[in-house]
C-alpha atoms as a PDB file:
ATOM      1  CA  MET A   1       0.000   0.000   0.000  1.00  0.00           C
ATOM      2  CA  ASP A   2       2.558   2.566   1.123  1.00  0.00           C
ATOM      3  CA  ASP A   3       4.933   1.167  -1.513  1.00  0.00           C
ATOM      4  CA  LEU A   4       2.852   2.753  -4.261  1.00  0.00           C
ATOM      5  CA  VAL A   5       2.819   6.114  -2.465  1.00  0.00           C
ATOM      6  CA  GLN A   6       6.600   6.057  -1.953  1.00  0.00           C
ATOM      7  CA  TRP A   7       7.230   4.889  -5.519  1.00  0.00           C
ATOM      8  CA  LEU A   8       4.928   7.537  -6.983  1.00  0.00           C
ATOM      9  CA  ARG A   9       6.610  10.264  -4.896  1.00  0.00           C
ATOM     10  CA  ALA A  10       9.970   9.149  -6.323  1.00  0.00           C
ATOM     11  CA  GLN A  11       8.600   9.388  -9.891  1.00  0.00           C
ATOM     12  CA  LEU A  12       7.304  12.900  -9.248  1.00  0.00           C
ATOM     13  CA  ASP A  13      10.635  13.907  -7.701  1.00  0.00           C
ATOM     14  CA  ASP A  14      12.429  12.595 -10.806  1.00  0.00           C
ATOM     15  CA  ASP A  15      10.088  14.503 -13.129  1.00  0.00           C
ATOM     16  CA  GLU A  16      10.606  17.635 -11.045  1.00  0.00           C
ATOM     17  CA  ARG A  17      14.405  17.398 -11.271  1.00  0.00           C
ATOM     18  CA  THR A  18      14.184  16.976 -15.040  1.00  0.00           C
ATOM     19  CA  ALA A  19      11.799  19.927 -15.454  1.00  0.00           C
ATOM     20  CA  GLN A  20      13.895  22.177 -13.226  1.00  0.00           C
ATOM     21  CA  ALA A  21      17.037  21.362 -15.211  1.00  0.00           C
ATOM     22  CA  ALA A  22      15.372  22.373 -18.495  1.00  0.00           C
ATOM     23  CA  ALA A  23      15.175  25.899 -19.878  1.00  0.00           C
ATOM     24  CA  ALA A  24      12.514  27.994 -18.216  1.00  0.00           C
ATOM     25  CA  GLY A  25       9.295  28.443 -20.166  1.00  0.00           C
ATOM     26  CA  PRO A  26       6.945  29.217 -21.550  1.00  0.00           C
ATOM     27  CA  TRP A  27       8.166  27.424 -24.643  1.00  0.00           C
ATOM     28  CA  SER A  28       6.876  28.160 -28.116  1.00  0.00           C
ATOM     29  CA  THR A  29       7.663  27.446 -31.733  1.00  0.00           C
ATOM     30  CA  ARG A  30       8.571  29.762 -34.583  1.00  0.00           C
ATOM     31  CA  TRP A  31       9.689  29.624 -38.184  1.00  0.00           C
ATOM     32  CA  THR A  32      13.045  31.050 -39.190  1.00  0.00           C
ATOM     33  CA  GLY A  33      13.583  30.473 -42.882  1.00  0.00           C
ATOM     34  CA  GLN A  34      13.496  26.717 -43.417  1.00  0.00           C
ATOM     35  CA  GLU A  35      13.834  25.895 -39.716  1.00  0.00           C
ATOM     36  CA  HIS A  36      10.983  25.289 -37.330  1.00  0.00           C
ATOM     37  CA  GLU A  37      12.404  26.124 -33.901  1.00  0.00           C
ATOM     38  CA  LEU A  38      11.461  25.308 -30.334  1.00  0.00           C
ATOM     39  CA  VAL A  39      12.335  28.386 -28.266  1.00  0.00           C
ATOM     40  CA  ALA A  40      12.293  29.586 -24.671  1.00  0.00           C
ATOM     41  CA  PRO A  41      12.539  33.231 -23.615  1.00  0.00           C
ATOM     42  CA  ALA A  42      15.435  32.503 -21.248  1.00  0.00           C
ATOM     43  CA  ARG A  43      17.677  31.191 -24.032  1.00  0.00           C
ATOM     44  CA  ALA A  44      19.461  33.126 -26.741  1.00  0.00           C
ATOM     45  CA  TYR A  45      19.333  30.170 -29.126  1.00  0.00           C
ATOM     46  CA  PRO A  46      16.665  27.536 -29.939  1.00  0.00           C
ATOM     47  CA  ILE A  47      16.186  24.497 -27.710  1.00  0.00           C
ATOM     48  CA  ALA A  48      15.698  22.403 -30.843  1.00  0.00           C
ATOM     49  CA  GLU A  49      15.123  22.919 -34.522  1.00  0.00           C
ATOM     50  CA  TRP A  50      13.775  20.980 -37.441  1.00  0.00           C
ATOM     51  CA  THR A  51      14.886  21.795 -40.974  1.00  0.00           C
ATOM     52  CA  TYR A  52      12.471  21.375 -43.869  1.00  0.00           C
ATOM     53  CA  ALA A  53      13.170  21.373 -47.580  1.00  0.00           C
ATOM     54  CA  ILE A  54      10.840  24.214 -48.443  1.00  0.00           C
ATOM     55  CA  ALA A  55      11.008  27.331 -50.571  1.00  0.00           C
ATOM     56  CA  THR A  56      12.968  30.274 -49.241  1.00  0.00           C
ATOM     57  CA  GLN A  57      10.891  32.949 -50.982  1.00  0.00           C
ATOM     58  CA  GLU A  58       7.416  34.181 -50.094  1.00  0.00           C
ATOM     59  CA  PRO A  59       4.585  33.409 -50.735  1.00  0.00           C
ATOM     60  CA  GLU A  60       5.728  29.851 -51.531  1.00  0.00           C
ATOM     61  CA  ALA A  61       7.527  29.490 -48.187  1.00  0.00           C
ATOM     62  CA  SER A  62       4.394  30.265 -46.142  1.00  0.00           C
ATOM     63  CA  ALA A  63       2.279  27.894 -48.197  1.00  0.00           C
ATOM     64  CA  GLN A  64       4.825  25.086 -47.804  1.00  0.00           C
ATOM     65  CA  ARG A  65       5.254  25.725 -44.061  1.00  0.00           C
ATOM     66  CA  ALA A  66       1.538  25.124 -43.645  1.00  0.00           C
ATOM     67  CA  GLU A  67       2.062  21.640 -45.116  1.00  0.00           C
ATOM     68  CA  CYS A  68       4.911  20.706 -42.746  1.00  0.00           C
ATOM     69  CA  ASP A  69       4.297  18.285 -39.908  1.00  0.00           C
ATOM     70  CA  THR A  70       5.149  20.303 -36.798  1.00  0.00           C
ATOM     71  CA  ALA A  71       3.142  18.169 -34.353  1.00  0.00           C
ATOM     72  CA  ASN A  72       6.200  16.971 -32.402  1.00  0.00           C
ATOM     73  CA  ALA A  73       7.525  20.475 -31.834  1.00  0.00           C
ATOM     74  CA  ASP A  74       4.071  21.760 -30.928  1.00  0.00           C
ATOM     75  CA  HIS A  75       3.617  18.924 -28.429  1.00  0.00           C
ATOM     76  CA  ILE A  76       6.991  19.559 -26.812  1.00  0.00           C
ATOM     77  CA  ALA A  77       6.292  23.288 -26.561  1.00  0.00           C
ATOM     78  CA  ARG A  78       2.921  22.639 -24.938  1.00  0.00           C
ATOM     79  CA  HIS A  79       4.566  20.522 -22.214  1.00  0.00           C
ATOM     80  CA  ASP A  80       7.213  23.019 -21.143  1.00  0.00           C
ATOM     81  CA  PRO A  81       8.801  22.842 -17.664  1.00  0.00           C
ATOM     82  CA  GLU A  82       6.365  25.350 -16.125  1.00  0.00           C
ATOM     83  CA  ARG A  83       3.414  23.178 -17.081  1.00  0.00           C
ATOM     84  CA  VAL A  84       5.153  20.007 -15.928  1.00  0.00           C
ATOM     85  CA  LEU A  85       5.935  21.575 -12.534  1.00  0.00           C
ATOM     86  CA  CYS A  86       2.320  22.709 -12.175  1.00  0.00           C
ATOM     87  CA  GLU A  87       1.103  19.184 -12.970  1.00  0.00           C
ATOM     88  CA  ILE A  88       3.552  17.689 -10.457  1.00  0.00           C
ATOM     89  CA  ASN A  89       2.221  20.036  -7.786  1.00  0.00           C
ATOM     90  CA  ALA A  90      -1.365  18.993  -8.543  1.00  0.00           C
ATOM     91  CA  LYS A  91      -0.419  15.297  -8.462  1.00  0.00           C
ATOM     92  CA  ARG A  92       1.347  15.731  -5.129  1.00  0.00           C
ATOM     93  CA  GLN A  93      -1.772  17.331  -3.674  1.00  0.00           C
ATOM     94  CA  LEU A  94      -3.886  14.415  -4.899  1.00  0.00           C
ATOM     95  CA  LEU A  95      -1.317  11.989  -3.536  1.00  0.00           C
ATOM     96  CA  ALA A  96      -1.437  13.644  -0.104  1.00  0.00           C
ATOM     97  CA  GLU A  97      -5.221  13.700  -0.125  1.00  0.00           C
ATOM     98  CA  HIS A  98      -5.529  10.022  -1.108  1.00  0.00           C
ATOM     99  CA  ALA A  99      -2.610   8.630   0.903  1.00  0.00           C
ATOM    100  CA  PRO A 100      -3.799   5.617   2.866  1.00  0.00           C
ATOM    101  CA  ARG A 101      -4.640   5.972   6.528  1.00  0.00           C
ATOM    102  CA  ASP A 102      -5.317   2.798   8.464  1.00  0.00           C
ATOM    103  CA  GLY A 103      -5.033   0.886   5.188  1.00  0.00           C
ATOM    104  CA  ARG A 104      -7.802   2.804   3.449  1.00  0.00           C
ATOM    105  CA  CYS A 105      -8.321   5.928   1.422  1.00  0.00           C
ATOM    106  CA  ARG A 106     -10.584   8.132   3.485  1.00  0.00           C
ATOM    107  CA  VAL A 107     -11.447  10.402   0.544  1.00  0.00           C
ATOM    108  CA  CYS A 108     -12.714   7.603  -1.663  1.00  0.00           C
ATOM    109  CA  ALA A 109     -14.410   5.872   1.268  1.00  0.00           C
ATOM    110  CA  ALA A 110     -16.257   9.078   2.184  1.00  0.00           C
ATOM    111  CA  HIS A 111     -17.922   9.005  -1.244  1.00  0.00           C
ATOM    112  CA  ALA A 112     -18.605   5.276  -1.258  1.00  0.00           C
ATOM    113  CA  TYR A 113     -22.131   4.055  -1.705  1.00  0.00           C
ATOM    114  CA  ASP A 114     -21.291   0.591  -0.514  1.00  0.00           C
ATOM    115  CA  SER A 115     -18.769  -1.084   1.757  1.00  0.00           C
ATOM    116  CA  TRP A 116     -15.859   0.751   3.371  1.00  0.00           C
ATOM    117  CA  THR A 117     -13.680  -2.228   2.474  1.00  0.00           C
ATOM    118  CA  ARG A 118     -14.122  -1.491  -1.229  1.00  0.00           C
ATOM    119  CA  PHE A 119     -11.629   1.342  -0.873  1.00  0.00           C
ATOM    120  CA  ARG A 120      -8.720  -0.502   0.605  1.00  0.00           C
ATOM    121  CA  ALA A 121      -5.452   1.137  -0.351  1.00  0.00           C
ATOM    122  CA  PRO A 122      -4.235   1.845  -2.875  1.00  0.00           C
ATOM    123  CA  CYS A 123      -7.428   3.557  -3.987  1.00  0.00           C
ATOM    124  CA  PRO A 124      -8.448   3.975  -7.639  1.00  0.00           C
ATOM    125  CA  THR A 125      -7.163   7.568  -7.647  1.00  0.00           C
ATOM    126  CA  LEU A 126      -3.625   6.530  -6.648  1.00  0.00           C
ATOM    127  CA  ARG A 127      -3.662   3.693  -9.153  1.00  0.00           C
ATOM    128  CA  LEU A 128      -4.648   6.123 -11.916  1.00  0.00           C
ATOM    129  CA  LEU A 129      -1.974   8.637 -10.866  1.00  0.00           C
ATOM    130  CA  ALA A 130       0.651   5.887 -11.161  1.00  0.00           C
ATOM    131  CA  LEU A 131      -0.541   4.536 -14.521  1.00  0.00           C
ATOM    132  CA  PRO A 132       1.382   7.009 -16.754  1.00  0.00           C
ATOM    133  CA  TYR A 133       4.573   5.751 -15.080  1.00  0.00           C
ATOM    134  CA  ALA A 134       3.845   2.054 -15.730  1.00  0.00           C
ATOM    135  CA  ASP A 135       6.826   1.848 -18.109  1.00  0.00           C
ATOM    136  CA  ARG A 136       9.284   2.857 -15.383  1.00  0.00           C
ATOM    137  CA  PRO A 137      11.273   0.446 -13.222  1.00  0.00           C
ATOM    138  CA  GLY A 138       9.551  -0.553 -10.014  1.00  0.00           C
ATOM    139  CA  TYR A 139       5.961  -0.304 -11.268  1.00  0.00           C
ATOM    140  CA  ARG A 140       3.943  -3.348 -10.220  1.00  0.00           C
ATOM    141  CA  ASP A 141       1.145  -4.864 -12.259  1.00  0.00           C
ATOM    142  CA  GLU A 142      -0.896  -5.214  -9.059  1.00  0.00           C
ATOM    143  CA  TRP A 143      -1.175  -1.386  -9.024  1.00  0.00           C
ATOM    144  CA  ARG A 144      -3.048  -1.287 -12.337  1.00  0.00           C
ATOM    145  CA  PRO A 145      -6.559   0.154 -12.024  1.00  0.00           C
END
């Protein structure tokens, strides 16, 4: 029971260290010639860039940029360190709220329509919080929702 809580705290701590080591956000993307760049205001140069074989003259360049697949860069920009740290904070609050006491989750049990024993730890909320980390070492199949 407490193993899941300790393990999940360690995953959040690891994510926090990674986010704090990255360039401060907010991140965004921009076009510079043939390069689609991932940028952060705190850096003088792009975090990453993707080069496309497109025209260098307008209006052809704009039309061809619209056809480029920029989904990866857009996804990365959307999940900048500020957002990750905010999500970690929210997850830690949920973790604290749903941490087992006397072998049960009191939050889930308070909303139960049936038996108190249905919400033995780890509760469904903790299991769901851990699920995105299922590919990391130490995750146990018994924690799956």
